[in-house]
Amino acid sequence: FRQAPGKEREFVATISWSGGRTYYADSVKGRFAISRDNAKNTV
């Protein structure tokens, strides 16, 4: 998520626990990519 000054926190991207599903805010679609490495416990 992200929050700009004076604005509410907004959704950016999410990834399912398996990594098989990802969703993006329209404003970042095509520019941002979410991924995860469960072995490293890192997103």
PDB file of all heavy atoms in Angstrom:
ATOM      1  N   PHE A   1       0.865  -1.171   0.000  1.00  0.00           N
ATOM      2  CA  PHE A   1       0.000   0.000   0.000  1.00  0.00           C
ATOM      3  C   PHE A   1       0.910   1.231   0.000  1.00  0.00           C
ATOM      4  O   PHE A   1       2.111   1.129   0.268  1.00  0.00           O
ATOM      5  CB  PHE A   1      -0.898   0.023   1.247  1.00  0.00           C
ATOM      6  CG  PHE A   1      -1.970  -1.021   1.251  1.00  0.00           C
ATOM      7  CD1 PHE A   1      -1.687  -2.339   1.603  1.00  0.00           C
ATOM      8  CD2 PHE A   1      -3.280  -0.703   0.903  1.00  0.00           C
ATOM      9  CE1 PHE A   1      -2.684  -3.313   1.609  1.00  0.00           C
ATOM     10  CE2 PHE A   1      -4.281  -1.667   0.913  1.00  0.00           C
ATOM     11  CZ  PHE A   1      -3.973  -2.962   1.260  1.00  0.00           C
ATOM     12  N   ARG A   2       0.326   2.368  -0.280  1.00  0.00           N
ATOM     13  CA  ARG A   2       1.106   3.598  -0.213  1.00  0.00           C
ATOM     14  C   ARG A   2       0.239   4.735   0.313  1.00  0.00           C
ATOM     15  O   ARG A   2      -0.981   4.687   0.203  1.00  0.00           O
ATOM     16  CB  ARG A   2       1.700   3.957  -1.578  1.00  0.00           C
ATOM     17  CG  ARG A   2       0.675   4.341  -2.635  1.00  0.00           C
ATOM     18  CD  ARG A   2       1.361   4.527  -3.985  1.00  0.00           C
ATOM     19  NE  ARG A   2       0.412   4.922  -5.035  1.00  0.00           N
ATOM     20  CZ  ARG A   2       0.723   5.047  -6.316  1.00  0.00           C
ATOM     21  NH1 ARG A   2       1.969   4.797  -6.727  1.00  0.00           N
ATOM     22  NH2 ARG A   2      -0.187   5.422  -7.206  1.00  0.00           N
ATOM     23  N   GLN A   3       0.909   5.715   0.865  1.00  0.00           N
ATOM     24  CA  GLN A   3       0.200   6.869   1.403  1.00  0.00           C
ATOM     25  C   GLN A   3       0.991   8.132   1.113  1.00  0.00           C
ATOM     26  O   GLN A   3       2.140   8.266   1.550  1.00  0.00           O
ATOM     27  CB  GLN A   3      -0.020   6.718   2.910  1.00  0.00           C
ATOM     28  CG  GLN A   3      -0.928   7.775   3.503  1.00  0.00           C
ATOM     29  CD  GLN A   3      -1.412   7.421   4.887  1.00  0.00           C
ATOM     30  OE1 GLN A   3      -0.852   6.559   5.565  1.00  0.00           O
ATOM     31  NE2 GLN A   3      -2.465   8.073   5.342  1.00  0.00           N
ATOM     32  N   ALA A   4       0.372   9.018   0.374  1.00  0.00           N
ATOM     33  CA  ALA A   4       0.972  10.314   0.069  1.00  0.00           C
ATOM     34  C   ALA A   4       0.512  11.333   1.110  1.00  0.00           C
ATOM     35  O   ALA A   4      -0.538  11.137   1.743  1.00  0.00           O
ATOM     36  CB  ALA A   4       0.572  10.756  -1.328  1.00  0.00           C
ATOM     37  N   PRO A   5       1.256  12.404   1.294  1.00  0.00           N
ATOM     38  CA  PRO A   5       0.874  13.413   2.285  1.00  0.00           C
ATOM     39  C   PRO A   5      -0.533  13.932   2.039  1.00  0.00           C
ATOM     40  O   PRO A   5      -0.891  14.292   0.921  1.00  0.00           O
ATOM     41  CB  PRO A   5       1.920  14.509   2.087  1.00  0.00           C
ATOM     42  CG  PRO A   5       3.100  13.811   1.513  1.00  0.00           C
ATOM     43  CD  PRO A   5       2.537  12.718   0.641  1.00  0.00           C
ATOM     44  N   GLY A   6      -1.332  13.941   3.095  1.00  0.00           N
ATOM     45  CA  GLY A   6      -2.686  14.463   2.998  1.00  0.00           C
ATOM     46  C   GLY A   6      -3.682  13.535   2.339  1.00  0.00           C
ATOM     47  O   GLY A   6      -4.843  13.916   2.133  1.00  0.00           O
ATOM     48  N   LYS A   7      -3.253  12.334   2.006  1.00  0.00           N
ATOM     49  CA  LYS A   7      -4.150  11.382   1.345  1.00  0.00           C
ATOM     50  C   LYS A   7      -4.298  10.119   2.176  1.00  0.00           C
ATOM     51  O   LYS A   7      -3.477   9.824   3.040  1.00  0.00           O
ATOM     52  CB  LYS A   7      -3.625  11.041  -0.048  1.00  0.00           C
ATOM     53  CG  LYS A   7      -3.615  12.215  -1.012  1.00  0.00           C
ATOM     54  CD  LYS A   7      -3.245  11.758  -2.409  1.00  0.00           C
ATOM     55  CE  LYS A   7      -3.311  12.899  -3.400  1.00  0.00           C
ATOM     56  NZ  LYS A   7      -2.975  12.460  -4.778  1.00  0.00           N
ATOM     57  N   GLU A   8      -5.336   9.372   1.877  1.00  0.00           N
ATOM     58  CA  GLU A   8      -5.556   8.108   2.569  1.00  0.00           C
ATOM     59  C   GLU A   8      -4.616   7.037   2.006  1.00  0.00           C
ATOM     60  O   GLU A   8      -4.138   7.135   0.876  1.00  0.00           O
ATOM     61  CB  GLU A   8      -7.009   7.665   2.404  1.00  0.00           C
ATOM     62  CG  GLU A   8      -8.006   8.552   3.127  1.00  0.00           C
ATOM     63  CD  GLU A   8      -9.398   7.952   3.136  1.00  0.00           C
ATOM     64  OE1 GLU A   8      -9.615   6.914   2.492  1.00  0.00           O
ATOM     65  OE2 GLU A   8     -10.282   8.534   3.799  1.00  0.00           O
ATOM     66  N   ARG A   9      -4.393   6.025   2.820  1.00  0.00           N
ATOM     67  CA  ARG A   9      -3.588   4.897   2.376  1.00  0.00           C
ATOM     68  C   ARG A   9      -4.322   4.194   1.242  1.00  0.00           C
ATOM     69  O   ARG A   9      -5.516   3.910   1.348  1.00  0.00           O
ATOM     70  CB  ARG A   9      -3.328   3.944   3.540  1.00  0.00           C
ATOM     71  CG  ARG A   9      -2.284   2.895   3.263  1.00  0.00           C
ATOM     72  CD  ARG A   9      -1.842   2.209   4.538  1.00  0.00           C
ATOM     73  NE  ARG A   9      -1.219   3.145   5.480  1.00  0.00           N
ATOM     74  CZ  ARG A   9      -0.588   2.762   6.571  1.00  0.00           C
ATOM     75  NH1 ARG A   9      -0.491   1.475   6.873  1.00  0.00           N
ATOM     76  NH2 ARG A   9      -0.062   3.662   7.383  1.00  0.00           N
ATOM     77  N   GLU A  10      -3.598   3.897   0.166  1.00  0.00           N
ATOM     78  CA  GLU A  10      -4.238   3.267  -0.976  1.00  0.00           C
ATOM     79  C   GLU A  10      -3.529   1.980  -1.380  1.00  0.00           C
ATOM     80  O   GLU A  10      -2.316   1.829  -1.203  1.00  0.00           O
ATOM     81  CB  GLU A  10      -4.279   4.227  -2.175  1.00  0.00           C
ATOM     82  CG  GLU A  10      -2.931   4.586  -2.752  1.00  0.00           C
ATOM     83  CD  GLU A  10      -3.041   5.364  -4.064  1.00  0.00           C
ATOM     84  OE1 GLU A  10      -4.161   5.587  -4.556  1.00  0.00           O
ATOM     85  OE2 GLU A  10      -1.976   5.728  -4.604  1.00  0.00           O
ATOM     86  N   PHE A  11      -4.314   1.091  -1.917  1.00  0.00           N
ATOM     87  CA  PHE A  11      -3.821  -0.194  -2.387  1.00  0.00           C
ATOM     88  C   PHE A  11      -2.929  -0.007  -3.609  1.00  0.00           C
ATOM     89  O   PHE A  11      -3.226   0.794  -4.499  1.00  0.00           O
ATOM     90  CB  PHE A  11      -5.012  -1.085  -2.739  1.00  0.00           C
ATOM     91  CG  PHE A  11      -4.661  -2.305  -3.529  1.00  0.00           C
ATOM     92  CD1 PHE A  11      -4.031  -3.378  -2.913  1.00  0.00           C
ATOM     93  CD2 PHE A  11      -4.954  -2.393  -4.867  1.00  0.00           C
ATOM     94  CE1 PHE A  11      -3.713  -4.517  -3.631  1.00  0.00           C
ATOM     95  CE2 PHE A  11      -4.645  -3.521  -5.604  1.00  0.00           C
ATOM     96  CZ  PHE A  11      -4.012  -4.591  -4.982  1.00  0.00           C
ATOM     97  N   VAL A  12      -1.841  -0.779  -3.657  1.00  0.00           N
ATOM     98  CA  VAL A  12      -0.939  -0.766  -4.806  1.00  0.00           C
ATOM     99  C   VAL A  12      -0.932  -2.120  -5.512  1.00  0.00           C
ATOM    100  O   VAL A  12      -1.192  -2.216  -6.702  1.00  0.00           O
ATOM    101  CB  VAL A  12       0.498  -0.401  -4.383  1.00  0.00           C
ATOM    102  CG1 VAL A  12       1.448  -0.493  -5.572  1.00  0.00           C
ATOM    103  CG2 VAL A  12       0.545   0.997  -3.774  1.00  0.00           C
ATOM    104  N   ALA A  13      -0.608  -3.175  -4.755  1.00  0.00           N
ATOM    105  CA  ALA A  13      -0.504  -4.502  -5.357  1.00  0.00           C
ATOM    106  C   ALA A  13      -0.614  -5.567  -4.275  1.00  0.00           C
ATOM    107  O   ALA A  13      -0.289  -5.311  -3.114  1.00  0.00           O
ATOM    108  CB  ALA A  13       0.820  -4.658  -6.096  1.00  0.00           C
ATOM    109  N   THR A  14      -1.058  -6.747  -4.672  1.00  0.00           N
ATOM    110  CA  THR A  14      -1.131  -7.853  -3.740  1.00  0.00           C
ATOM    111  C   THR A  14      -0.802  -9.147  -4.455  1.00  0.00           C
ATOM    112  O   THR A  14      -0.963  -9.264  -5.673  1.00  0.00           O
ATOM    113  CB  THR A  14      -2.527  -7.932  -3.084  1.00  0.00           C
ATOM    114  OG1 THR A  14      -2.520  -8.943  -2.077  1.00  0.00           O
ATOM    115  CG2 THR A  14      -3.600  -8.270  -4.104  1.00  0.00           C
ATOM    116  N   ILE A  15      -0.332 -10.107  -3.681  1.00  0.00           N
ATOM    117  CA  ILE A  15       0.017 -11.421  -4.211  1.00  0.00           C
ATOM    118  C   ILE A  15      -0.498 -12.474  -3.242  1.00  0.00           C
ATOM    119  O   ILE A  15      -0.369 -12.331  -2.018  1.00  0.00           O
ATOM    120  CB  ILE A  15       1.543 -11.536  -4.430  1.00  0.00           C
ATOM    121  CG1 ILE A  15       1.910 -12.839  -5.119  1.00  0.00           C
ATOM    122  CG2 ILE A  15       2.314 -11.359  -3.120  1.00  0.00           C
ATOM    123  CD1 ILE A  15       3.348 -12.878  -5.632  1.00  0.00           C
ATOM    124  N   SER A  16      -1.090 -13.514  -3.780  1.00  0.00           N
ATOM    125  CA  SER A  16      -1.639 -14.571  -2.937  1.00  0.00           C
ATOM    126  C   SER A  16      -0.526 -15.345  -2.251  1.00  0.00           C
ATOM    127  O   SER A  16       0.648 -15.250  -2.630  1.00  0.00           O
ATOM    128  CB  SER A  16      -2.503 -15.514  -3.778  1.00  0.00           C
ATOM    129  OG  SER A  16      -1.700 -16.142  -4.770  1.00  0.00           O
ATOM    130  N   TRP A  17      -0.921 -16.151  -1.282  1.00  0.00           N
ATOM    131  CA  TRP A  17       0.074 -16.882  -0.505  1.00  0.00           C
ATOM    132  C   TRP A  17       0.908 -17.809  -1.385  1.00  0.00           C
ATOM    133  O   TRP A  17       2.096 -18.021  -1.138  1.00  0.00           O
ATOM    134  CB  TRP A  17      -0.608 -17.667   0.615  1.00  0.00           C
ATOM    135  CG  TRP A  17      -1.504 -18.769   0.132  1.00  0.00           C
ATOM    136  CD1 TRP A  17      -2.835 -18.672  -0.172  1.00  0.00           C
ATOM    137  CD2 TRP A  17      -1.151 -20.130  -0.100  1.00  0.00           C
ATOM    138  NE1 TRP A  17      -3.314 -19.881  -0.594  1.00  0.00           N
ATOM    139  CE2 TRP A  17      -2.304 -20.798  -0.553  1.00  0.00           C
ATOM    140  CE3 TRP A  17       0.040 -20.862   0.037  1.00  0.00           C
ATOM    141  CZ2 TRP A  17      -2.305 -22.160  -0.877  1.00  0.00           C
ATOM    142  CZ3 TRP A  17       0.039 -22.211  -0.278  1.00  0.00           C
ATOM    143  CH2 TRP A  17      -1.125 -22.848  -0.729  1.00  0.00           C
ATOM    144  N   SER A  18       0.294 -18.347  -2.441  1.00  0.00           N
ATOM    145  CA  SER A  18       0.998 -19.266  -3.330  1.00  0.00           C
ATOM    146  C   SER A  18       1.793 -18.536  -4.405  1.00  0.00           C
ATOM    147  O   SER A  18       2.625 -19.141  -5.093  1.00  0.00           O
ATOM    148  CB  SER A  18       0.003 -20.202  -4.005  1.00  0.00           C
ATOM    149  OG  SER A  18      -0.830 -19.459  -4.877  1.00  0.00           O
ATOM    150  N   GLY A  19       1.502 -17.259  -4.555  1.00  0.00           N
ATOM    151  CA  GLY A  19       2.132 -16.506  -5.634  1.00  0.00           C
ATOM    152  C   GLY A  19       1.387 -16.618  -6.951  1.00  0.00           C
ATOM    153  O   GLY A  19       1.767 -15.989  -7.937  1.00  0.00           O
ATOM    154  N   GLY A  20       0.313 -17.400  -6.963  1.00  0.00           N
ATOM    155  CA  GLY A  20      -0.376 -17.647  -8.218  1.00  0.00           C
ATOM    156  C   GLY A  20      -1.314 -16.546  -8.669  1.00  0.00           C
ATOM    157  O   GLY A  20      -1.723 -16.507  -9.827  1.00  0.00           O
ATOM    158  N   ARG A  21      -1.683 -15.683  -7.747  1.00  0.00           N
ATOM    159  CA  ARG A  21      -2.589 -14.574  -8.090  1.00  0.00           C
ATOM    160  C   ARG A  21      -1.963 -13.260  -7.689  1.00  0.00           C
ATOM    161  O   ARG A  21      -1.465 -13.117  -6.569  1.00  0.00           O
ATOM    162  CB  ARG A  21      -3.931 -14.718  -7.372  1.00  0.00           C
ATOM    163  CG  ARG A  21      -4.746 -15.921  -7.783  1.00  0.00           C
ATOM    164  CD  ARG A  21      -5.987 -16.036  -6.925  1.00  0.00           C
ATOM    165  NE  ARG A  21      -6.731 -17.268  -7.178  1.00  0.00           N
ATOM    166  CZ  ARG A  21      -7.887 -17.314  -7.797  1.00  0.00           C
ATOM    167  NH1 ARG A  21      -8.449 -16.195  -8.244  1.00  0.00           N
ATOM    168  NH2 ARG A  21      -8.506 -18.463  -7.976  1.00  0.00           N
ATOM    169  N   THR A  22      -2.009 -12.317  -8.602  1.00  0.00           N
ATOM    170  CA  THR A  22      -1.547 -10.968  -8.322  1.00  0.00           C
ATOM    171  C   THR A  22      -2.598  -9.981  -8.817  1.00  0.00           C
ATOM    172  O   THR A  22      -3.272 -10.232  -9.819  1.00  0.00           O
ATOM    173  CB  THR A  22      -0.204 -10.653  -9.006  1.00  0.00           C
ATOM    174  OG1 THR A  22      -0.333 -10.849 -10.418  1.00  0.00           O
ATOM    175  CG2 THR A  22       0.911 -11.557  -8.482  1.00  0.00           C
ATOM    176  N   TYR A  23      -2.729  -8.885  -8.090  1.00  0.00           N
ATOM    177  CA  TYR A  23      -3.670  -7.837  -8.455  1.00  0.00           C
ATOM    178  C   TYR A  23      -2.989  -6.490  -8.266  1.00  0.00           C
ATOM    179  O   TYR A  23      -2.173  -6.324  -7.355  1.00  0.00           O
ATOM    180  CB  TYR A  23      -4.934  -7.911  -7.597  1.00  0.00           C
ATOM    181  CG  TYR A  23      -5.675  -9.220  -7.736  1.00  0.00           C
ATOM    182  CD1 TYR A  23      -5.422 -10.272  -6.863  1.00  0.00           C
ATOM    183  CD2 TYR A  23      -6.609  -9.420  -8.747  1.00  0.00           C
ATOM    184  CE1 TYR A  23      -6.079 -11.481  -6.992  1.00  0.00           C
ATOM    185  CE2 TYR A  23      -7.274 -10.625  -8.881  1.00  0.00           C
ATOM    186  CZ  TYR A  23      -7.000 -11.648  -8.008  1.00  0.00           C
ATOM    187  OH  TYR A  23      -7.652 -12.848  -8.141  1.00  0.00           O
ATOM    188  N   TYR A  24      -3.365  -5.553  -9.127  1.00  0.00           N
ATOM    189  CA  TYR A  24      -2.735  -4.244  -9.090  1.00  0.00           C
ATOM    190  C   TYR A  24      -3.788  -3.135  -9.153  1.00  0.00           C
ATOM    191  O   TYR A  24      -4.842  -3.298  -9.773  1.00  0.00           O
ATOM    192  CB  TYR A  24      -1.790  -4.085 -10.286  1.00  0.00           C
ATOM    193  CG  TYR A  24      -0.648  -5.070 -10.291  1.00  0.00           C
ATOM    194  CD1 TYR A  24      -0.755  -6.292 -10.944  1.00  0.00           C
ATOM    195  CD2 TYR A  24       0.541  -4.775  -9.630  1.00  0.00           C
ATOM    196  CE1 TYR A  24       0.289  -7.206 -10.934  1.00  0.00           C
ATOM    197  CE2 TYR A  24       1.596  -5.676  -9.623  1.00  0.00           C
ATOM    198  CZ  TYR A  24       1.457  -6.885 -10.275  1.00  0.00           C
ATOM    199  OH  TYR A  24       2.499  -7.788 -10.261  1.00  0.00           O
ATOM    200  N   ALA A  25      -3.441  -2.020  -8.557  1.00  0.00           N
ATOM    201  CA  ALA A  25      -4.247  -0.818  -8.747  1.00  0.00           C
ATOM    202  C   ALA A  25      -4.110  -0.391 -10.202  1.00  0.00           C
ATOM    203  O   ALA A  25      -3.051  -0.573 -10.820  1.00  0.00           O
ATOM    204  CB  ALA A  25      -3.765   0.285  -7.819  1.00  0.00           C
ATOM    205  N   ASP A  26      -5.152   0.183 -10.738  1.00  0.00           N
ATOM    206  CA  ASP A  26      -5.125   0.613 -12.142  1.00  0.00           C
ATOM    207  C   ASP A  26      -3.987   1.599 -12.400  1.00  0.00           C
ATOM    208  O   ASP A  26      -3.396   1.605 -13.480  1.00  0.00           O
ATOM    209  CB  ASP A  26      -6.457   1.260 -12.526  1.00  0.00           C
ATOM    210  CG  ASP A  26      -7.575   0.234 -12.653  1.00  0.00           C
ATOM    211  OD1 ASP A  26      -7.275  -0.981 -12.772  1.00  0.00           O
ATOM    212  OD2 ASP A  26      -8.743   0.644 -12.641  1.00  0.00           O
ATOM    213  N   SER A  27      -3.679   2.401 -11.402  1.00  0.00           N
ATOM    214  CA  SER A  27      -2.678   3.446 -11.573  1.00  0.00           C
ATOM    215  C   SER A  27      -1.260   2.897 -11.744  1.00  0.00           C
ATOM    216  O   SER A  27      -0.373   3.614 -12.220  1.00  0.00           O
ATOM    217  CB  SER A  27      -2.709   4.408 -10.382  1.00  0.00           C
ATOM    218  OG  SER A  27      -2.459   3.712  -9.181  1.00  0.00           O
ATOM    219  N   VAL A  28      -1.040   1.640 -11.353  1.00  0.00           N
ATOM    220  CA  VAL A  28       0.315   1.079 -11.448  1.00  0.00           C
ATOM    221  C   VAL A  28       0.378  -0.125 -12.378  1.00  0.00           C
ATOM    222  O   VAL A  28       1.481  -0.640 -12.643  1.00  0.00           O
ATOM    223  CB  VAL A  28       0.849   0.672 -10.060  1.00  0.00           C
ATOM    224  CG1 VAL A  28       0.755   1.838  -9.086  1.00  0.00           C
ATOM    225  CG2 VAL A  28       0.133  -0.548  -9.508  1.00  0.00           C
ATOM    226  N   LYS A  29      -0.762  -0.547 -12.885  1.00  0.00           N
ATOM    227  CA  LYS A  29      -0.795  -1.732 -13.741  1.00  0.00           C
ATOM    228  C   LYS A  29       0.090  -1.533 -14.964  1.00  0.00           C
ATOM    229  O   LYS A  29       0.055  -0.492 -15.625  1.00  0.00           O
ATOM    230  CB  LYS A  29      -2.246  -1.996 -14.148  1.00  0.00           C
ATOM    231  CG  LYS A  29      -2.545  -3.422 -14.552  1.00  0.00           C
ATOM    232  CD  LYS A  29      -4.048  -3.621 -14.732  1.00  0.00           C
ATOM    233  CE  LYS A  29      -4.789  -3.502 -13.429  1.00  0.00           C
ATOM    234  NZ  LYS A  29      -6.253  -3.757 -13.575  1.00  0.00           N
ATOM    235  N   GLY A  30       0.913  -2.525 -15.241  1.00  0.00           N
ATOM    236  CA  GLY A  30       1.816  -2.448 -16.377  1.00  0.00           C
ATOM    237  C   GLY A  30       3.161  -1.815 -16.062  1.00  0.00           C
ATOM    238  O   GLY A  30       4.090  -1.890 -16.861  1.00  0.00           O
ATOM    239  N   ARG A  31       3.252  -1.172 -14.890  1.00  0.00           N
ATOM    240  CA  ARG A  31       4.507  -0.520 -14.490  1.00  0.00           C
ATOM    241  C   ARG A  31       5.140  -1.195 -13.276  1.00  0.00           C
ATOM    242  O   ARG A  31       6.360  -1.218 -13.143  1.00  0.00           O
ATOM    243  CB  ARG A  31       4.259   0.952 -14.162  1.00  0.00           C
ATOM    244  CG  ARG A  31       3.703   1.762 -15.306  1.00  0.00           C
ATOM    245  CD  ARG A  31       3.674   3.249 -14.960  1.00  0.00           C
ATOM    246  NE  ARG A  31       2.792   3.528 -13.818  1.00  0.00           N
ATOM    247  CZ  ARG A  31       3.204   4.143 -12.707  1.00  0.00           C
ATOM    248  NH1 ARG A  31       4.465   4.505 -12.564  1.00  0.00           N
ATOM    249  NH2 ARG A  31       2.338   4.385 -11.721  1.00  0.00           N
ATOM    250  N   PHE A  32       4.310  -1.701 -12.365  1.00  0.00           N
ATOM    251  CA  PHE A  32       4.788  -2.327 -11.136  1.00  0.00           C
ATOM    252  C   PHE A  32       4.577  -3.831 -11.214  1.00  0.00           C
ATOM    253  O   PHE A  32       3.647  -4.311 -11.879  1.00  0.00           O
ATOM    254  CB  PHE A  32       4.027  -1.791  -9.930  1.00  0.00           C
ATOM    255  CG  PHE A  32       4.304  -0.357  -9.564  1.00  0.00           C
ATOM    256  CD1 PHE A  32       4.999   0.496 -10.408  1.00  0.00           C
ATOM    257  CD2 PHE A  32       3.859   0.137  -8.350  1.00  0.00           C
ATOM    258  CE1 PHE A  32       5.239   1.806 -10.066  1.00  0.00           C
ATOM    259  CE2 PHE A  32       4.099   1.453  -7.977  1.00  0.00           C
ATOM    260  CZ  PHE A  32       4.782   2.288  -8.846  1.00  0.00           C
ATOM    261  N   ALA A  33       5.428  -4.557 -10.504  1.00  0.00           N
ATOM    262  CA  ALA A  33       5.291  -6.010 -10.429  1.00  0.00           C
ATOM    263  C   ALA A  33       5.602  -6.473  -9.015  1.00  0.00           C
ATOM    264  O   ALA A  33       6.662  -6.165  -8.470  1.00  0.00           O
ATOM    265  CB  ALA A  33       6.214  -6.692 -11.425  1.00  0.00           C
ATOM    266  N   ILE A  34       4.659  -7.219  -8.442  1.00  0.00           N
ATOM    267  CA  ILE A  34       4.847  -7.784  -7.105  1.00  0.00           C
ATOM    268  C   ILE A  34       5.281  -9.236  -7.243  1.00  0.00           C
ATOM    269  O   ILE A  34       4.809  -9.950  -8.134  1.00  0.00           O
ATOM    270  CB  ILE A  34       3.561  -7.650  -6.255  1.00  0.00           C
ATOM    271  CG1 ILE A  34       3.824  -8.049  -4.807  1.00  0.00           C
ATOM    272  CG2 ILE A  34       2.412  -8.445  -6.869  1.00  0.00           C
ATOM    273  CD1 ILE A  34       2.648  -7.734  -3.867  1.00  0.00           C
ATOM    274  N   SER A  35       6.181  -9.653  -6.392  1.00  0.00           N
ATOM    275  CA  SER A  35       6.631 -11.046  -6.399  1.00  0.00           C
ATOM    276  C   SER A  35       7.005 -11.440  -4.975  1.00  0.00           C
ATOM    277  O   SER A  35       7.098 -10.585  -4.094  1.00  0.00           O
ATOM    278  CB  SER A  35       7.826 -11.227  -7.338  1.00  0.00           C
ATOM    279  OG  SER A  35       8.919 -10.424  -6.923  1.00  0.00           O
ATOM    280  N   ARG A  36       7.198 -12.721  -4.780  1.00  0.00           N
ATOM    281  CA  ARG A  36       7.566 -13.184  -3.454  1.00  0.00           C
ATOM    282  C   ARG A  36       8.528 -14.350  -3.551  1.00  0.00           C
ATOM    283  O   ARG A  36       8.502 -15.117  -4.519  1.00  0.00           O
ATOM    284  CB  ARG A  36       6.324 -13.566  -2.656  1.00  0.00           C
ATOM    285  CG  ARG A  36       5.551 -14.767  -3.180  1.00  0.00           C
ATOM    286  CD  ARG A  36       4.223 -14.926  -2.419  1.00  0.00           C
ATOM    287  NE  ARG A  36       4.432 -15.109  -0.997  1.00  0.00           N
ATOM    288  CZ  ARG A  36       3.520 -14.852  -0.067  1.00  0.00           C
ATOM    289  NH1 ARG A  36       2.314 -14.420  -0.416  1.00  0.00           N
ATOM    290  NH2 ARG A  36       3.801 -15.048   1.211  1.00  0.00           N
ATOM    291  N   ASP A  37       9.358 -14.465  -2.539  1.00  0.00           N
ATOM    292  CA  ASP A  37      10.276 -15.592  -2.404  1.00  0.00           C
ATOM    293  C   ASP A  37      10.021 -16.182  -1.025  1.00  0.00           C
ATOM    294  O   ASP A  37      10.518 -15.678  -0.018  1.00  0.00           O
ATOM    295  CB  ASP A  37      11.723 -15.110  -2.539  1.00  0.00           C
ATOM    296  CG  ASP A  37      12.732 -16.245  -2.522  1.00  0.00           C
ATOM    297  OD1 ASP A  37      12.403 -17.339  -2.001  1.00  0.00           O
ATOM    298  OD2 ASP A  37      13.842 -16.049  -3.007  1.00  0.00           O
ATOM    299  N   ASN A  38       9.216 -17.212  -0.978  1.00  0.00           N
ATOM    300  CA  ASN A  38       8.828 -17.779   0.315  1.00  0.00           C
ATOM    301  C   ASN A  38      10.010 -18.402   1.053  1.00  0.00           C
ATOM    302  O   ASN A  38      10.006 -18.463   2.281  1.00  0.00           O
ATOM    303  CB  ASN A  38       7.705 -18.795   0.127  1.00  0.00           C
ATOM    304  CG  ASN A  38       6.361 -18.124  -0.116  1.00  0.00           C
ATOM    305  OD1 ASN A  38       6.170 -16.936   0.179  1.00  0.00           O
ATOM    306  ND2 ASN A  38       5.417 -18.867  -0.682  1.00  0.00           N
ATOM    307  N   ALA A  39      10.991 -18.848   0.306  1.00  0.00           N
ATOM    308  CA  ALA A  39      12.175 -19.411   0.952  1.00  0.00           C
ATOM    309  C   ALA A  39      12.932 -18.340   1.745  1.00  0.00           C
ATOM    310  O   ALA A  39      13.569 -18.637   2.760  1.00  0.00           O
ATOM    311  CB  ALA A  39      13.089 -20.041  -0.082  1.00  0.00           C
ATOM    312  N   LYS A  40      12.837 -17.095   1.268  1.00  0.00           N
ATOM    313  CA  LYS A  40      13.505 -15.979   1.945  1.00  0.00           C
ATOM    314  C   LYS A  40      12.541 -15.180   2.814  1.00  0.00           C
ATOM    315  O   LYS A  40      12.950 -14.205   3.445  1.00  0.00           O
ATOM    316  CB  LYS A  40      14.159 -15.058   0.915  1.00  0.00           C
ATOM    317  CG  LYS A  40      15.287 -15.700   0.135  1.00  0.00           C
ATOM    318  CD  LYS A  40      15.935 -14.709  -0.821  1.00  0.00           C
ATOM    319  CE  LYS A  40      17.104 -15.338  -1.554  1.00  0.00           C
ATOM    320  NZ  LYS A  40      17.738 -14.382  -2.508  1.00  0.00           N
ATOM    321  N   ASN A  41      11.273 -15.596   2.816  1.00  0.00           N
ATOM    322  CA  ASN A  41      10.270 -14.875   3.608  1.00  0.00           C
ATOM    323  C   ASN A  41      10.232 -13.397   3.223  1.00  0.00           C
ATOM    324  O   ASN A  41      10.118 -12.518   4.087  1.00  0.00           O
ATOM    325  CB  ASN A  41      10.566 -15.021   5.104  1.00  0.00           C
ATOM    326  CG  ASN A  41       9.340 -15.397   5.918  1.00  0.00           C
ATOM    327  OD1 ASN A  41       8.372 -15.946   5.391  1.00  0.00           O
ATOM    328  ND2 ASN A  41       9.384 -15.108   7.199  1.00  0.00           N
ATOM    329  N   THR A  42      10.316 -13.134   1.932  1.00  0.00           N
ATOM    330  CA  THR A  42      10.452 -11.774   1.432  1.00  0.00           C
ATOM    331  C   THR A  42       9.512 -11.533   0.260  1.00  0.00           C
ATOM    332  O   THR A  42       9.280 -12.433  -0.555  1.00  0.00           O
ATOM    333  CB  THR A  42      11.906 -11.508   1.002  1.00  0.00           C
ATOM    334  OG1 THR A  42      12.771 -11.694   2.128  1.00  0.00           O
ATOM    335  CG2 THR A  42      12.074 -10.084   0.489  1.00  0.00           C
ATOM    336  N   VAL A  43       8.993 -10.316   0.213  1.00  0.00           N
ATOM    337  CA  VAL A  43       8.140  -9.881  -0.882  1.00  0.00           C
ATOM    338  C   VAL A  43       8.796  -8.671  -1.536  1.00  0.00           C
ATOM    339  O   VAL A  43       9.456  -7.872  -0.858  1.00  0.00           O
ATOM    340  CB  VAL A  43       6.737  -9.505  -0.371  1.00  0.00           C
ATOM    341  CG1 VAL A  43       5.870  -8.973  -1.487  1.00  0.00           C
ATOM    342  CG2 VAL A  43       6.084 -10.709   0.275  1.00  0.00           C
TER     343      VAL A  43
END
